Amino acid sequence: MADHEHGSMDIKTQEKTFEGFMSFVTKTTVVILVLLVLMALFIR
């Protein structure tokens, strides 16, 4: 079995990808909520 030292892997790329994903999800959620509020106010 290969020797692996926990915590020794370079994860900068994964962290950057996750940060981008979380930013996308947050922005998308805000846009959806704004659209729902606008629909509730103007579409009757």
Protein backbone atom coordinates (compact mmCIF):
# COMPACT_ATOMS: atom_id res chain seq x y z
CA MET A 1 0.00 0.00 0.00
CA ALA A 2 1.27 3.48 -0.83
CA ASP A 3 2.40 5.75 1.95
CA HIS A 4 0.08 8.72 2.24
CA GLU A 5 0.51 11.51 4.73
CA HIS A 6 -2.83 13.06 5.69
CA GLY A 7 -3.02 16.73 4.75
CA SER A 8 -0.10 16.70 2.32
CA MET A 9 -2.07 17.00 -0.93
CA ASP A 10 -2.23 20.37 -2.72
CA ILE A 11 -5.91 21.31 -2.80
CA LYS A 12 -5.72 24.89 -4.09
CA THR A 13 -7.52 23.99 -7.31
CA GLN A 14 -10.33 22.22 -5.45
CA GLU A 15 -10.71 25.14 -3.05
CA LYS A 16 -10.89 27.62 -5.94
CA THR A 17 -13.49 25.47 -7.72
CA PHE A 18 -15.59 25.16 -4.56
CA GLU A 19 -15.36 28.92 -3.95
CA GLY A 20 -16.58 29.58 -7.49
CA PHE A 21 -19.41 27.07 -7.10
CA MET A 22 -20.55 28.62 -3.81
CA SER A 23 -20.44 32.09 -5.35
CA PHE A 24 -22.55 30.90 -8.29
CA VAL A 25 -25.10 29.23 -6.02
CA THR A 26 -25.37 32.30 -3.78
CA LYS A 27 -25.85 34.70 -6.69
CA THR A 28 -28.37 32.40 -8.36
CA THR A 29 -30.36 32.07 -5.13
CA VAL A 30 -30.49 35.86 -4.72
CA VAL A 31 -31.68 36.32 -8.32
CA ILE A 32 -34.40 33.68 -7.88
CA LEU A 33 -35.61 35.27 -4.65
CA VAL A 34 -35.72 38.72 -6.25
CA LEU A 35 -37.68 37.34 -9.20
CA LEU A 36 -40.15 35.64 -6.88
CA VAL A 37 -40.70 38.84 -4.92
CA LEU A 38 -41.19 40.84 -8.11
CA MET A 39 -43.63 38.25 -9.44
CA ALA A 40 -45.58 38.36 -6.17
CA LEU A 41 -45.79 42.16 -6.33
CA PHE A 42 -46.59 42.71 -10.00
CA ILE A 43 -48.35 39.59 -11.25
CA ARG A 44 -51.83 39.27 -9.81
